[in-house]
Amino acid sequence: MLNAALLALLAAVLIYPAYLLWRRADSFSWRARYLLAALPAAYTGLGWQVAALSYEWAGCQGNMKGLYACTFSGMDVTPLIGYGFFLTIPFFFVALPLSLWLLLDTAARQIGEWRGRQR
């Protein structure tokens, strides 16, 4: 259940900002457009970094038998840390190129609007 919810959240973070910038960009301020463009890379990159930092902090290294003691406040956080490490793949292959393209497209549209005002 948790994995399905996290994957649905990942899909929403990757697809919805691009859709909003494609269909409804005029209804957002430029700052909001840039934040939407950076959202996919920020979500996946920060999730990956939080997992990397909390891996050692929560004691998830395991032992000789491969049993994990990956807990935080008595709750097992192994699936969340595993999901954070999974975010490395979408970060490098999907979210980072998507965010860079959206940022460049937003910047080009803003420059084009500035040029249109000058004439």
PDB file of N, CA and C in Angstrom:
ATOM      1  N   MET A   1       0.819  -1.185   0.000  1.00  0.00           N
ATOM      2  CA  MET A   1       0.000   0.000   0.000  1.00  0.00           C
ATOM      3  C   MET A   1       0.872   1.262   0.000  1.00  0.00           C
ATOM      4  N   LEU A   2       1.886   1.260   0.864  1.00  0.00           N
ATOM      5  CA  LEU A   2       2.779   2.409   0.949  1.00  0.00           C
ATOM      6  C   LEU A   2       3.568   2.586  -0.343  1.00  0.00           C
ATOM      7  N   ASN A   3       4.024   1.481  -0.917  1.00  0.00           N
ATOM      8  CA  ASN A   3       4.775   1.573  -2.173  1.00  0.00           C
ATOM      9  C   ASN A   3       3.927   2.139  -3.297  1.00  0.00           C
ATOM     10  N   ALA A   4       2.680   1.722  -3.375  1.00  0.00           N
ATOM     11  CA  ALA A   4       1.796   2.231  -4.424  1.00  0.00           C
ATOM     12  C   ALA A   4       1.543   3.726  -4.240  1.00  0.00           C
ATOM     13  N   ALA A   5       1.365   4.153  -3.004  1.00  0.00           N
ATOM     14  CA  ALA A   5       1.131   5.577  -2.738  1.00  0.00           C
ATOM     15  C   ALA A   5       2.368   6.405  -3.077  1.00  0.00           C
ATOM     16  N   LEU A   6       3.541   5.898  -2.735  1.00  0.00           N
ATOM     17  CA  LEU A   6       4.769   6.627  -3.027  1.00  0.00           C
ATOM     18  C   LEU A   6       5.049   6.681  -4.530  1.00  0.00           C
ATOM     19  N   LEU A   7       4.759   5.616  -5.235  1.00  0.00           N
ATOM     20  CA  LEU A   7       4.934   5.629  -6.688  1.00  0.00           C
ATOM     21  C   LEU A   7       3.920   6.550  -7.366  1.00  0.00           C
ATOM     22  N   ALA A   8       2.703   6.616  -6.832  1.00  0.00           N
ATOM     23  CA  ALA A   8       1.708   7.543  -7.372  1.00  0.00           C
ATOM     24  C   ALA A   8       2.141   8.989  -7.124  1.00  0.00           C
ATOM     25  N   LEU A   9       2.719   9.250  -5.958  1.00  0.00           N
ATOM     26  CA  LEU A   9       3.237  10.585  -5.664  1.00  0.00           C
ATOM     27  C   LEU A   9       4.381  10.942  -6.605  1.00  0.00           C
ATOM     28  N   LEU A  10       5.262   9.995  -6.863  1.00  0.00           N
ATOM     29  CA  LEU A  10       6.364  10.231  -7.794  1.00  0.00           C
ATOM     30  C   LEU A  10       5.835  10.541  -9.195  1.00  0.00           C
ATOM     31  N   ALA A  11       4.859   9.770  -9.651  1.00  0.00           N
ATOM     32  CA  ALA A  11       4.286  10.017 -10.970  1.00  0.00           C
ATOM     33  C   ALA A  11       3.625  11.391 -11.038  1.00  0.00           C
ATOM     34  N   ALA A  12       2.937  11.771  -9.975  1.00  0.00           N
ATOM     35  CA  ALA A  12       2.287  13.086  -9.950  1.00  0.00           C
ATOM     36  C   ALA A  12       3.313  14.210  -9.975  1.00  0.00           C
ATOM     37  N   VAL A  13       4.406  14.045  -9.244  1.00  0.00           N
ATOM     38  CA  VAL A  13       5.438  15.090  -9.204  1.00  0.00           C
ATOM     39  C   VAL A  13       6.165  15.197 -10.535  1.00  0.00           C
ATOM     40  N   LEU A  14       6.265  14.111 -11.262  1.00  0.00           N
ATOM     41  CA  LEU A  14       6.936  14.153 -12.560  1.00  0.00           C
ATOM     42  C   LEU A  14       6.031  14.642 -13.686  1.00  0.00           C
ATOM     43  N   ILE A  15       4.745  14.331 -13.630  1.00  0.00           N
ATOM     44  CA  ILE A  15       3.844  14.629 -14.744  1.00  0.00           C
ATOM     45  C   ILE A  15       3.086  15.941 -14.553  1.00  0.00           C
ATOM     46  N   TYR A  16       2.561  16.193 -13.366  1.00  0.00           N
ATOM     47  CA  TYR A  16       1.665  17.328 -13.168  1.00  0.00           C
ATOM     48  C   TYR A  16       2.333  18.688 -13.379  1.00  0.00           C
ATOM     49  N   PRO A  17       3.568  18.936 -12.898  1.00  0.00           N
ATOM     50  CA  PRO A  17       4.180  20.251 -13.188  1.00  0.00           C
ATOM     51  C   PRO A  17       4.362  20.511 -14.680  1.00  0.00           C
ATOM     52  N   ALA A  18       4.767  19.489 -15.423  1.00  0.00           N
ATOM     53  CA  ALA A  18       4.925  19.670 -16.868  1.00  0.00           C
ATOM     54  C   ALA A  18       3.578  19.961 -17.525  1.00  0.00           C
ATOM     55  N   TYR A  19       2.534  19.283 -17.086  1.00  0.00           N
ATOM     56  CA  TYR A  19       1.196  19.537 -17.614  1.00  0.00           C
ATOM     57  C   TYR A  19       0.741  20.960 -17.307  1.00  0.00           C
ATOM     58  N   LEU A  20       0.954  21.394 -16.057  1.00  0.00           N
ATOM     59  CA  LEU A  20       0.550  22.750 -15.687  1.00  0.00           C
ATOM     60  C   LEU A  20       1.301  23.811 -16.482  1.00  0.00           C
ATOM     61  N   LEU A  21       2.585  23.590 -16.689  1.00  0.00           N
ATOM     62  CA  LEU A  21       3.370  24.558 -17.449  1.00  0.00           C
ATOM     63  C   LEU A  21       3.015  24.532 -18.936  1.00  0.00           C
ATOM     64  N   TRP A  22       2.521  23.423 -19.421  1.00  0.00           N
ATOM     65  CA  TRP A  22       2.158  23.316 -20.824  1.00  0.00           C
ATOM     66  C   TRP A  22       0.779  23.922 -21.086  1.00  0.00           C
ATOM     67  N   ARG A  23      -0.182  23.653 -20.178  1.00  0.00           N
ATOM     68  CA  ARG A  23      -1.563  24.058 -20.418  1.00  0.00           C
ATOM     69  C   ARG A  23      -1.955  25.370 -19.745  1.00  0.00           C
ATOM     70  N   ARG A  24      -1.486  25.611 -18.526  1.00  0.00           N
ATOM     71  CA  ARG A  24      -1.983  26.734 -17.747  1.00  0.00           C
ATOM     72  C   ARG A  24      -0.871  27.657 -17.266  1.00  0.00           C
ATOM     73  N   ALA A  25       0.164  27.800 -18.028  1.00  0.00           N
ATOM     74  CA  ALA A  25       1.307  28.609 -17.588  1.00  0.00           C
ATOM     75  C   ALA A  25       0.952  30.077 -17.431  1.00  0.00           C
ATOM     76  N   ASP A  26       0.016  30.569 -18.207  1.00  0.00           N
ATOM     77  CA  ASP A  26      -0.332  31.984 -18.139  1.00  0.00           C
ATOM     78  C   ASP A  26      -1.004  32.377 -16.826  1.00  0.00           C
ATOM     79  N   SER A  27      -1.559  31.410 -16.122  1.00  0.00           N
ATOM     80  CA  SER A  27      -2.241  31.724 -14.866  1.00  0.00           C
ATOM     81  C   SER A  27      -1.297  31.772 -13.672  1.00  0.00           C
ATOM     82  N   PHE A  28      -0.004  31.491 -13.883  1.00  0.00           N
ATOM     83  CA  PHE A  28       0.978  31.501 -12.798  1.00  0.00           C
ATOM     84  C   PHE A  28       1.934  32.671 -12.960  1.00  0.00           C
ATOM     85  N   SER A  29       2.464  33.140 -11.836  1.00  0.00           N
ATOM     86  CA  SER A  29       3.518  34.152 -11.903  1.00  0.00           C
ATOM     87  C   SER A  29       4.813  33.474 -12.362  1.00  0.00           C
ATOM     88  N   TRP A  30       5.787  34.279 -12.725  1.00  0.00           N
ATOM     89  CA  TRP A  30       7.053  33.706 -13.190  1.00  0.00           C
ATOM     90  C   TRP A  30       7.743  32.914 -12.087  1.00  0.00           C
ATOM     91  N   ARG A  31       7.675  33.402 -10.863  1.00  0.00           N
ATOM     92  CA  ARG A  31       8.287  32.675  -9.743  1.00  0.00           C
ATOM     93  C   ARG A  31       7.656  31.302  -9.580  1.00  0.00           C
ATOM     94  N   ALA A  32       6.329  31.234  -9.669  1.00  0.00           N
ATOM     95  CA  ALA A  32       5.632  29.949  -9.551  1.00  0.00           C
ATOM     96  C   ALA A  32       5.982  29.024 -10.714  1.00  0.00           C
ATOM     97  N   ARG A  33       6.160  29.584 -11.895  1.00  0.00           N
ATOM     98  CA  ARG A  33       6.546  28.761 -13.047  1.00  0.00           C
ATOM     99  C   ARG A  33       7.920  28.144 -12.845  1.00  0.00           C
ATOM    100  N   TYR A  34       8.854  28.928 -12.341  1.00  0.00           N
ATOM    101  CA  TYR A  34      10.192  28.393 -12.088  1.00  0.00           C
ATOM    102  C   TYR A  34      10.165  27.343 -10.977  1.00  0.00           C
ATOM    103  N   LEU A  35       9.362  27.560  -9.952  1.00  0.00           N
ATOM    104  CA  LEU A  35       9.237  26.555  -8.889  1.00  0.00           C
ATOM    105  C   LEU A  35       8.619  25.260  -9.411  1.00  0.00           C
ATOM    106  N   LEU A  36       7.604  25.378 -10.261  1.00  0.00           N
ATOM    107  CA  LEU A  36       7.019  24.181 -10.866  1.00  0.00           C
ATOM    108  C   LEU A  36       8.024  23.458 -11.753  1.00  0.00           C
ATOM    109  N   ALA A  37       8.845  24.214 -12.464  1.00  0.00           N
ATOM    110  CA  ALA A  37       9.834  23.594 -13.340  1.00  0.00           C
ATOM    111  C   ALA A  37      10.908  22.863 -12.549  1.00  0.00           C
ATOM    112  N   ALA A  38      11.254  23.362 -11.379  1.00  0.00           N
ATOM    113  CA  ALA A  38      12.300  22.741 -10.567  1.00  0.00           C
ATOM    114  C   ALA A  38      11.768  21.642  -9.657  1.00  0.00           C
ATOM    115  N   LEU A  39      10.461  21.528  -9.516  1.00  0.00           N
ATOM    116  CA  LEU A  39       9.862  20.566  -8.583  1.00  0.00           C
ATOM    117  C   LEU A  39      10.259  19.108  -8.829  1.00  0.00           C
ATOM    118  N   PRO A  40      10.250  18.585 -10.055  1.00  0.00           N
ATOM    119  CA  PRO A  40      10.622  17.171 -10.223  1.00  0.00           C
ATOM    120  C   PRO A  40      12.045  16.861  -9.751  1.00  0.00           C
ATOM    121  N   ALA A  41      12.994  17.694 -10.111  1.00  0.00           N
ATOM    122  CA  ALA A  41      14.377  17.444  -9.689  1.00  0.00           C
ATOM    123  C   ALA A  41      14.546  17.663  -8.191  1.00  0.00           C
ATOM    124  N   ALA A  42      13.849  18.650  -7.641  1.00  0.00           N
ATOM    125  CA  ALA A  42      13.963  18.919  -6.209  1.00  0.00           C
ATOM    126  C   ALA A  42      13.390  17.762  -5.388  1.00  0.00           C
ATOM    127  N   TYR A  43      12.230  17.249  -5.772  1.00  0.00           N
ATOM    128  CA  TYR A  43      11.608  16.151  -5.030  1.00  0.00           C
ATOM    129  C   TYR A  43      12.478  14.898  -5.058  1.00  0.00           C
ATOM    130  N   THR A  44      12.905  14.499  -6.231  1.00  0.00           N
ATOM    131  CA  THR A  44      13.679  13.263  -6.322  1.00  0.00           C
ATOM    132  C   THR A  44      15.081  13.434  -5.746  1.00  0.00           C
ATOM    133  N   GLY A  45      15.718  14.564  -5.999  1.00  0.00           N
ATOM    134  CA  GLY A  45      17.067  14.777  -5.480  1.00  0.00           C
ATOM    135  C   GLY A  45      17.094  14.904  -3.974  1.00  0.00           C
ATOM    136  N   LEU A  46      16.156  15.654  -3.401  1.00  0.00           N
ATOM    137  CA  LEU A  46      16.119  15.791  -1.949  1.00  0.00           C
ATOM    138  C   LEU A  46      15.714  14.484  -1.271  1.00  0.00           C
ATOM    139  N   GLY A  47      14.792  13.749  -1.884  1.00  0.00           N
ATOM    140  CA  GLY A  47      14.419  12.449  -1.320  1.00  0.00           C
ATOM    141  C   GLY A  47      15.584  11.487  -1.288  1.00  0.00           C
ATOM    142  N   TRP A  48      16.364  11.491  -2.332  1.00  0.00           N
ATOM    143  CA  TRP A  48      17.549  10.637  -2.389  1.00  0.00           C
ATOM    144  C   TRP A  48      18.571  11.050  -1.330  1.00  0.00           C
ATOM    145  N   GLN A  49      18.809  12.358  -1.186  1.00  0.00           N
ATOM    146  CA  GLN A  49      19.785  12.831  -0.204  1.00  0.00           C
ATOM    147  C   GLN A  49      19.325  12.589   1.231  1.00  0.00           C
ATOM    148  N   VAL A  50      18.050  12.753   1.506  1.00  0.00           N
ATOM    149  CA  VAL A  50      17.532  12.463   2.845  1.00  0.00           C
ATOM    150  C   VAL A  50      17.699  10.981   3.162  1.00  0.00           C
ATOM    151  N   ALA A  51      17.449  10.116   2.198  1.00  0.00           N
ATOM    152  CA  ALA A  51      17.636   8.675   2.413  1.00  0.00           C
ATOM    153  C   ALA A  51      19.101   8.351   2.662  1.00  0.00           C
ATOM    154  N   ALA A  52      19.990   8.978   1.931  1.00  0.00           N
ATOM    155  CA  ALA A  52      21.415   8.716   2.119  1.00  0.00           C
ATOM    156  C   ALA A  52      21.885   9.163   3.496  1.00  0.00           C
ATOM    157  N   LEU A  53      21.390  10.288   3.960  1.00  0.00           N
ATOM    158  CA  LEU A  53      21.781  10.766   5.288  1.00  0.00           C
ATOM    159  C   LEU A  53      21.142   9.948   6.404  1.00  0.00           C
ATOM    160  N   SER A  54      19.895   9.562   6.229  1.00  0.00           N
ATOM    161  CA  SER A  54      19.211   8.828   7.291  1.00  0.00           C
ATOM    162  C   SER A  54      19.564   7.351   7.321  1.00  0.00           C
ATOM    163  N   TYR A  55      20.194   6.842   6.277  1.00  0.00           N
ATOM    164  CA  TYR A  55      20.596   5.435   6.250  1.00  0.00           C
ATOM    165  C   TYR A  55      21.531   5.122   7.408  1.00  0.00           C
ATOM    166  N   GLU A  56      22.530   5.927   7.579  1.00  0.00           N
ATOM    167  CA  GLU A  56      23.472   5.702   8.675  1.00  0.00           C
ATOM    168  C   GLU A  56      22.898   6.176  10.005  1.00  0.00           C
ATOM    169  N   TRP A  57      22.169   7.287   9.975  1.00  0.00           N
ATOM    170  CA  TRP A  57      21.633   7.863  11.201  1.00  0.00           C
ATOM    171  C   TRP A  57      20.621   6.936  11.873  1.00  0.00           C
ATOM    172  N   ALA A  58      19.793   6.256  11.104  1.00  0.00           N
ATOM    173  CA  ALA A  58      18.779   5.361  11.662  1.00  0.00           C
ATOM    174  C   ALA A  58      19.317   3.957  11.917  1.00  0.00           C
ATOM    175  N   GLY A  59      20.580   3.698  11.608  1.00  0.00           N
ATOM    176  CA  GLY A  59      21.175   2.394  11.865  1.00  0.00           C
ATOM    177  C   GLY A  59      20.683   1.316  10.932  1.00  0.00           C
ATOM    178  N   CYS A  60      20.671   1.581   9.652  1.00  0.00           N
ATOM    179  CA  CYS A  60      20.132   0.637   8.675  1.00  0.00           C
ATOM    180  C   CYS A  60      21.209  -0.242   8.036  1.00  0.00           C
ATOM    181  N   GLN A  61      22.394  -0.300   8.599  1.00  0.00           N
ATOM    182  CA  GLN A  61      23.469  -1.039   7.959  1.00  0.00           C
ATOM    183  C   GLN A  61      23.288  -2.542   8.038  1.00  0.00           C
ATOM    184  N   GLY A  62      22.538  -3.037   8.989  1.00  0.00           N
ATOM    185  CA  GLY A  62      22.351  -4.476   9.105  1.00  0.00           C
ATOM    186  C   GLY A  62      23.477  -5.114   9.893  1.00  0.00           C
ATOM    187  N   ASN A  63      23.464  -6.425   9.947  1.00  0.00           N
ATOM    188  CA  ASN A  63      24.507  -7.160  10.653  1.00  0.00           C
ATOM    189  C   ASN A  63      24.888  -8.373   9.819  1.00  0.00           C
ATOM    190  N   MET A  64      25.582  -9.320  10.429  1.00  0.00           N
ATOM    191  CA  MET A  64      26.072 -10.474   9.670  1.00  0.00           C
ATOM    192  C   MET A  64      24.931 -11.314   9.083  1.00  0.00           C
ATOM    193  N   LYS A  65      23.797 -11.337   9.754  1.00  0.00           N
ATOM    194  CA  LYS A  65      22.678 -12.135   9.261  1.00  0.00           C
ATOM    195  C   LYS A  65      21.779 -11.349   8.309  1.00  0.00           C
ATOM    196  N   GLY A  66      22.109 -10.087   8.067  1.00  0.00           N
ATOM    197  CA  GLY A  66      21.321  -9.287   7.135  1.00  0.00           C
ATOM    198  C   GLY A  66      20.036  -8.755   7.734  1.00  0.00           C
ATOM    199  N   LEU A  67      19.909  -8.789   9.048  1.00  0.00           N
ATOM    200  CA  LEU A  67      18.716  -8.256   9.686  1.00  0.00           C
ATOM    201  C   LEU A  67      18.912  -6.766   9.941  1.00  0.00           C
ATOM    202  N   TYR A  68      17.886  -6.007   9.649  1.00  0.00           N
ATOM    203  CA  TYR A  68      17.995  -4.563   9.795  1.00  0.00           C
ATOM    204  C   TYR A  68      17.339  -4.105  11.085  1.00  0.00           C
ATOM    205  N   ALA A  69      17.927  -3.108  11.671  1.00  0.00           N
ATOM    206  CA  ALA A  69      17.331  -2.438  12.827  1.00  0.00           C
ATOM    207  C   ALA A  69      17.087  -0.984  12.434  1.00  0.00           C
ATOM    208  N   CYS A  70      16.376  -0.787  11.367  1.00  0.00           N
ATOM    209  CA  CYS A  70      16.179   0.529  10.783  1.00  0.00           C
ATOM    210  C   CYS A  70      14.902   1.137  11.349  1.00  0.00           C
ATOM    211  N   THR A  71      15.006   1.734  12.525  1.00  0.00           N
ATOM    212  CA  THR A  71      13.830   2.276  13.179  1.00  0.00           C
ATOM    213  C   THR A  71      14.046   3.733  13.554  1.00  0.00           C
ATOM    214  N   PHE A  72      12.943   4.449  13.620  1.00  0.00           N
ATOM    215  CA  PHE A  72      12.933   5.830  14.086  1.00  0.00           C
ATOM    216  C   PHE A  72      11.715   5.984  14.982  1.00  0.00           C
ATOM    217  N   SER A  73      11.948   6.272  16.247  1.00  0.00           N
ATOM    218  CA  SER A  73      10.881   6.398  17.250  1.00  0.00           C
ATOM    219  C   SER A  73      10.019   5.140  17.317  1.00  0.00           C
ATOM    220  N   GLY A  74      10.656   3.985  17.216  1.00  0.00           N
ATOM    221  CA  GLY A  74       9.959   2.716  17.309  1.00  0.00           C
ATOM    222  C   GLY A  74       9.248   2.281  16.041  1.00  0.00           C
ATOM    223  N   MET A  75       9.354   3.060  14.969  1.00  0.00           N
ATOM    224  CA  MET A  75       8.690   2.718  13.705  1.00  0.00           C
ATOM    225  C   MET A  75       9.737   2.271  12.685  1.00  0.00           C
ATOM    226  N   ASP A  76       9.428   1.219  11.964  1.00  0.00           N
ATOM    227  CA  ASP A  76      10.343   0.723  10.940  1.00  0.00           C
ATOM    228  C   ASP A  76      10.291   1.655   9.728  1.00  0.00           C
ATOM    229  N   VAL A  77      11.428   2.249   9.381  1.00  0.00           N
ATOM    230  CA  VAL A  77      11.496   3.198   8.267  1.00  0.00           C
ATOM    231  C   VAL A  77      12.251   2.620   7.074  1.00  0.00           C
ATOM    232  N   THR A  78      12.449   1.320   7.051  1.00  0.00           N
ATOM    233  CA  THR A  78      13.162   0.686   5.948  1.00  0.00           C
ATOM    234  C   THR A  78      12.495   0.948   4.589  1.00  0.00           C
ATOM    235  N   PRO A  79      11.152   0.842   4.462  1.00  0.00           N
ATOM    236  CA  PRO A  79      10.554   1.115   3.148  1.00  0.00           C
ATOM    237  C   PRO A  79      10.754   2.563   2.688  1.00  0.00           C
ATOM    238  N   LEU A  80      10.704   3.509   3.600  1.00  0.00           N
ATOM    239  CA  LEU A  80      10.899   4.907   3.223  1.00  0.00           C
ATOM    240  C   LEU A  80      12.326   5.175   2.776  1.00  0.00           C
ATOM    241  N   ILE A  81      13.286   4.592   3.461  1.00  0.00           N
ATOM    242  CA  ILE A  81      14.679   4.778   3.075  1.00  0.00           C
ATOM    243  C   ILE A  81      14.955   4.057   1.752  1.00  0.00           C
ATOM    244  N   GLY A  82      14.366   2.888   1.571  1.00  0.00           N
ATOM    245  CA  GLY A  82      14.499   2.196   0.295  1.00  0.00           C
ATOM    246  C   GLY A  82      13.895   2.992  -0.852  1.00  0.00           C
ATOM    247  N   TYR A  83      12.757   3.619  -0.607  1.00  0.00           N
ATOM    248  CA  TYR A  83      12.137   4.469  -1.625  1.00  0.00           C
ATOM    249  C   TYR A  83      13.030   5.668  -1.931  1.00  0.00           C
ATOM    250  N   GLY A  84      13.646   6.232  -0.887  1.00  0.00           N
ATOM    251  CA  GLY A  84      14.561   7.355  -1.102  1.00  0.00           C
ATOM    252  C   GLY A  84      15.740   6.967  -1.976  1.00  0.00           C
ATOM    253  N   PHE A  85      16.276   5.777  -1.753  1.00  0.00           N
ATOM    254  CA  PHE A  85      17.371   5.315  -2.609  1.00  0.00           C
ATOM    255  C   PHE A  85      16.880   4.995  -4.025  1.00  0.00           C
ATOM    256  N   PHE A  86      15.637   4.531  -4.143  1.00  0.00           N
ATOM    257  CA  PHE A  86      15.059   4.289  -5.464  1.00  0.00           C
ATOM    258  C   PHE A  86      14.959   5.583  -6.271  1.00  0.00           C
ATOM    259  N   LEU A  87      14.754   6.712  -5.578  1.00  0.00           N
ATOM    260  CA  LEU A  87      14.602   7.997  -6.261  1.00  0.00           C
ATOM    261  C   LEU A  87      15.855   8.420  -7.021  1.00  0.00           C
ATOM    262  N   THR A  88      16.977   7.758  -6.785  1.00  0.00           N
ATOM    263  CA  THR A  88      18.195   8.053  -7.541  1.00  0.00           C
ATOM    264  C   THR A  88      17.976   7.803  -9.037  1.00  0.00           C
ATOM    265  N   ILE A  89      17.299   6.721  -9.368  1.00  0.00           N
ATOM    266  CA  ILE A  89      17.097   6.355 -10.773  1.00  0.00           C
ATOM    267  C   ILE A  89      16.225   7.373 -11.503  1.00  0.00           C
ATOM    268  N   PRO A  90      15.031   7.713 -10.957  1.00  0.00           N
ATOM    269  CA  PRO A  90      14.247   8.732 -11.657  1.00  0.00           C
ATOM    270  C   PRO A  90      14.907  10.104 -11.647  1.00  0.00           C
ATOM    271  N   PHE A  91      15.731  10.378 -10.636  1.00  0.00           N
ATOM    272  CA  PHE A  91      16.395  11.680 -10.587  1.00  0.00           C
ATOM    273  C   PHE A  91      17.319  11.860 -11.779  1.00  0.00           C
ATOM    274  N   PHE A  92      18.190  10.896 -12.019  1.00  0.00           N
ATOM    275  CA  PHE A  92      19.176  11.050 -13.086  1.00  0.00           C
ATOM    276  C   PHE A  92      18.593  10.866 -14.485  1.00  0.00           C
ATOM    277  N   PHE A  93      17.636   9.971 -14.643  1.00  0.00           N
ATOM    278  CA  PHE A  93      17.163   9.631 -15.982  1.00  0.00           C
ATOM    279  C   PHE A  93      15.883  10.326 -16.406  1.00  0.00           C
ATOM    280  N   VAL A  94      15.091  10.844 -15.463  1.00  0.00           N
ATOM    281  CA  VAL A  94      13.829  11.473 -15.824  1.00  0.00           C
ATOM    282  C   VAL A  94      13.721  12.894 -15.270  1.00  0.00           C
ATOM    283  N   ALA A  95      13.819  13.038 -13.951  1.00  0.00           N
ATOM    284  CA  ALA A  95      13.512  14.310 -13.308  1.00  0.00           C
ATOM    285  C   ALA A  95      14.526  15.404 -13.627  1.00  0.00           C
ATOM    286  N   LEU A  96      15.796  15.092 -13.597  1.00  0.00           N
ATOM    287  CA  LEU A  96      16.802  16.125 -13.877  1.00  0.00           C
ATOM    288  C   LEU A  96      16.711  16.623 -15.322  1.00  0.00           C
ATOM    289  N   PRO A  97      16.660  15.741 -16.335  1.00  0.00           N
ATOM    290  CA  PRO A  97      16.485  16.265 -17.700  1.00  0.00           C
ATOM    291  C   PRO A  97      15.149  16.998 -17.894  1.00  0.00           C
ATOM    292  N   LEU A  98      14.077  16.491 -17.277  1.00  0.00           N
ATOM    293  CA  LEU A  98      12.784  17.151 -17.390  1.00  0.00           C
ATOM    294  C   LEU A  98      12.821  18.542 -16.772  1.00  0.00           C
ATOM    295  N   SER A  99      13.385  18.656 -15.580  1.00  0.00           N
ATOM    296  CA  SER A  99      13.458  19.955 -14.918  1.00  0.00           C
ATOM    297  C   SER A  99      14.343  20.923 -15.685  1.00  0.00           C
ATOM    298  N   LEU A 100      15.449  20.436 -16.209  1.00  0.00           N
ATOM    299  CA  LEU A 100      16.309  21.325 -16.996  1.00  0.00           C
ATOM    300  C   LEU A 100      15.582  21.824 -18.242  1.00  0.00           C
ATOM    301  N   TRP A 101      14.863  20.940 -18.908  1.00  0.00           N
ATOM    302  CA  TRP A 101      14.114  21.352 -20.090  1.00  0.00           C
ATOM    303  C   TRP A 101      13.013  22.344 -19.723  1.00  0.00           C
ATOM    304  N   LEU A 102      12.285  22.081 -18.627  1.00  0.00           N
ATOM    305  CA  LEU A 102      11.230  23.000 -18.208  1.00  0.00           C
ATOM    306  C   LEU A 102      11.796  24.353 -17.790  1.00  0.00           C
ATOM    307  N   LEU A 103      12.937  24.351 -17.104  1.00  0.00           N
ATOM    308  CA  LEU A 103      13.561  25.618 -16.713  1.00  0.00           C
ATOM    309  C   LEU A 103      14.022  26.410 -17.926  1.00  0.00           C
ATOM    310  N   LEU A 104      14.636  25.740 -18.896  1.00  0.00           N
ATOM    311  CA  LEU A 104      15.063  26.430 -20.113  1.00  0.00           C
ATOM    312  C   LEU A 104      13.863  26.956 -20.905  1.00  0.00           C
ATOM    313  N   ASP A 105      12.811  26.179 -20.982  1.00  0.00           N
ATOM    314  CA  ASP A 105      11.615  26.605 -21.699  1.00  0.00           C
ATOM    315  C   ASP A 105      10.969  27.804 -21.006  1.00  0.00           C
ATOM    316  N   THR A 106      10.895  27.770 -19.698  1.00  0.00           N
ATOM    317  CA  THR A 106      10.327  28.890 -18.950  1.00  0.00           C
ATOM    318  C   THR A 106      11.170  30.146 -19.121  1.00  0.00           C
ATOM    319  N   ALA A 107      12.487  29.995 -19.063  1.00  0.00           N
ATOM    320  CA  ALA A 107      13.373  31.148 -19.252  1.00  0.00           C
ATOM    321  C   ALA A 107      13.238  31.706 -20.666  1.00  0.00           C
ATOM    322  N   ALA A 108      13.126  30.843 -21.655  1.00  0.00           N
ATOM    323  CA  ALA A 108      12.970  31.307 -23.034  1.00  0.00           C
ATOM    324  C   ALA A 108      11.645  32.043 -23.214  1.00  0.00           C
ATOM    325  N   ARG A 109      10.590  31.551 -22.588  1.00  0.00           N
ATOM    326  CA  ARG A 109       9.299  32.229 -22.686  1.00  0.00           C
ATOM    327  C   ARG A 109       9.333  33.595 -22.001  1.00  0.00           C
ATOM    328  N   GLN A 110      10.032  33.667 -20.856  1.00  0.00           N
ATOM    329  CA  GLN A 110      10.129  34.943 -20.163  1.00  0.00           C
ATOM    330  C   GLN A 110      10.954  35.949 -20.973  1.00  0.00           C
ATOM    331  N   ILE A 111      12.034  35.497 -21.554  1.00  0.00           N
ATOM    332  CA  ILE A 111      12.846  36.385 -22.397  1.00  0.00           C
ATOM    333  C   ILE A 111      12.040  36.831 -23.609  1.00  0.00           C
ATOM    334  N   GLY A 112      11.282  35.921 -24.205  1.00  0.00           N
ATOM    335  CA  GLY A 112      10.448  36.280 -25.338  1.00  0.00           C
ATOM    336  C   GLY A 112       9.385  37.292 -24.955  1.00  0.00           C
ATOM    337  N   GLU A 113       8.836  37.172 -23.772  1.00  0.00           N
ATOM    338  CA  GLU A 113       7.851  38.157 -23.324  1.00  0.00           C
ATOM    339  C   GLU A 113       8.503  39.516 -23.086  1.00  0.00           C
ATOM    340  N   TRP A 114       9.692  39.523 -22.521  1.00  0.00           N
ATOM    341  CA  TRP A 114      10.407  40.795 -22.326  1.00  0.00           C
ATOM    342  C   TRP A 114      10.710  41.451 -23.658  1.00  0.00           C
ATOM    343  N   ARG A 115      11.135  40.643 -24.633  1.00  0.00           N
ATOM    344  CA  ARG A 115      11.450  41.189 -25.963  1.00  0.00           C
ATOM    345  C   ARG A 115      10.199  41.740 -26.627  1.00  0.00           C
ATOM    346  N   GLY A 116       9.059  41.092 -26.412  1.00  0.00           N
ATOM    347  CA  GLY A 116       7.799  41.571 -26.983  1.00  0.00           C
ATOM    348  C   GLY A 116       7.356  42.892 -26.386  1.00  0.00           C
ATOM    349  N   ARG A 117       7.659  43.132 -25.129  1.00  0.00           N
ATOM    350  CA  ARG A 117       7.307  44.387 -24.485  1.00  0.00           C
ATOM    351  C   ARG A 117       8.167  45.550 -24.977  1.00  0.00           C
ATOM    352  N   GLN A 118       9.398  45.260 -25.355  1.00  0.00           N
ATOM    353  CA  GLN A 118      10.320  46.305 -25.764  1.00  0.00           C
ATOM    354  C   GLN A 118       9.969  46.875 -27.126  1.00  0.00           C
ATOM    355  N   ARG A 119       9.302  46.148 -27.941  1.00  0.00           N
ATOM    356  CA  ARG A 119       9.011  46.607 -29.315  1.00  0.00           C
ATOM    357  C   ARG A 119       7.823  47.517 -29.363  1.00  0.00           C
TER     358      ARG A 119
END
